[in-house]
Amino acid sequence: MRDPIAALVRQEGWRAEGAAARVHYEGGSDRYAVEFYAETPRVLYWSVPTDDEGETAAPVPREEVPDPLRRRIREDLDEAGIDPDVERREL
């Protein structure tokens, strides 16, 4: 496990998945998976359907992600010693 990944998994809800760390959030009817990739370093947001919807996860553009969630991710990155500005990097 890479050091940034190890630091993130100490934050609430984060878990390691290979070269990435992932966390899931639910708010209202929205469900998101958020992934941090240490090697690039980048943050990706995914819309996660409920099991009832029968769809697959889809990437979400940053401008469509609620600001409170983006702030929370930047806070988690900062607390893990990762530059929170990586959350703003585009692919």
Foldseek 3Di string as FASTA:
>chain_A
DDLLLVLLVVDPQWDDDVQKIWGWDDDDQWIWIWIAGPVVGAIWIWTCHDPVVPDHIDTDDPVPDDPVVLVVQLVSSVSSVHHSCRHVDDD
